Amino acid sequence: MKNLKLVLTFLFGAFMVLGGVNHFLKPEMYFPFFPDFLPKEIINYFTGIVEIALGIGTFIPSFRKMATLGILVLMLFFLPLHILDVFKESPAIGSHQASLIRLPIQFLFIAWAWYISRTK
């Protein structure tokens, strides 16, 4: 069970690094998720840096606990964005169907992050 948790931690860490890099490669993909009154570029790049840092942290034993807790907080922070997307006239993710599929996936990410952040 310990090996499974470590594999899931590394897998989530890799997803975080790849997702963070994607914030720099395709920033326009993320802009529709941010409300208009917020500075989209700054938030996007900051989020990318945070995702990369947390992802790398999962691979470093002394940072792993803090990184996995950070991932959990980040996944919870993203939840309202995905909930709001379901109710938008033009969802940021592209379609209402996609937003309805993506929302439960966010809950899966939250559960996954919670599992890997647990001490026992």
Foldseek 3Di string as FASTA:
>chain_A
DVVVLLVLLLVQLVVLLVVLVVCVVPVVLCQVLDDPVDDSNVVSNVSSVLSNVLSVLCVDVVSNLVSLVSQLVVLVVCLVSLVVQCVDPQRSNGDNVVSVVVNVVSVVSNVSSVSSNDPD
